[in-house]
């Protein structure tokens, strides 16, 4: 978790340096008023900070409110809604912005005009996320196997069973204790391995969200057009609320200690306001149409889109929708699908303003 925080802080300081280059492409003429824009930026900081804190706190406070406990269907519906929000964020909000940035006429035709770099980078980011997921889970699985007590010395494990000296196969199960001896460790819900996987998911998901939050915060903070900022304030407030609910659900299931949970929640809530503050500070040298800014924004948005799309489809939706609990309950299937579509639809609608 500390690595995620350190990398995010690195982005906060690196991004302003990279984008503070002179503009070489004509900017669109628009009404500019620094004084009026500052008022809206201050409103944006307060509303986005509050919305982010509320959104990420709702699932985490499920320990206090019985209705939001992970074993209740309401929590399942909240997770489905949040997964739809995150999926729409990747497909509808971030990826189109990445294509727009990397296909801008302000960039040189070669190589940016000859190849769809945004889609390629998003694909590579999704594959990279899968590799991180795989390596992390392999490590935790091996660690779990080493902690298990060894079987009797006259027995050898083979093919999920135990072969003794007479070559008879015995499969040892203990239904009372809820575990089995063997070379394959099941990834059961609530198990140590399942908990480790959920912790990896929550940290990678937060990293993808923070990358996007830094970029959008700096873009809003650097703008001097009240006409541009006004619709963004409301849109980004709901954006932060919904994203916080998705991330909060993952953090809640990961069961971090109170200190780590608080750090992740606070850092998520502060990232976009910090980006706005940085954008305001570099507004005199920052230009959204400068080649450097377009390349940096496009690349980082592509990475964030790949991470969020993978996490939403594989780690959030597939894990829940293919579970035995979902398969055994038609009512739960209908409710989860409705909330999934509702979350994706609400977030997609916000693309009209942000």
Foldseek 3Di string as FASTA:
>chain_A
DVVLVVVLVVCLVPLLVLQLAAAPDDDDDADFDQVLLVVLLVLLLVLLLVLLLQQLVVLQCCVVPVCNPPVHLVVLLLLLLLLLQLQLCLPQPLLVLLQCLLCPPLDDCPPSVVDSVLQVLLQVLLVVLVVVLVVQLVVVVVVVVVPDDDDDPQWDADDQWIQGPVRDTHWDDDVVVPAGDHPDGDCDPPDPSVLSSLVSLLSLLLSLLLLVLLLVLLVSLLDRHPVLSVLVSVLSSVSSSSNSNNSSSSLNSSPDPPVVSVVSSNCSSCRNSSSSVSNNVSSVRGDCNHSSNSVVSSSSSSSSSSSSNSSSVPVRCCVPCVDPVNVVDPVSVVSSVVSNCVSNVVSSVSSVND
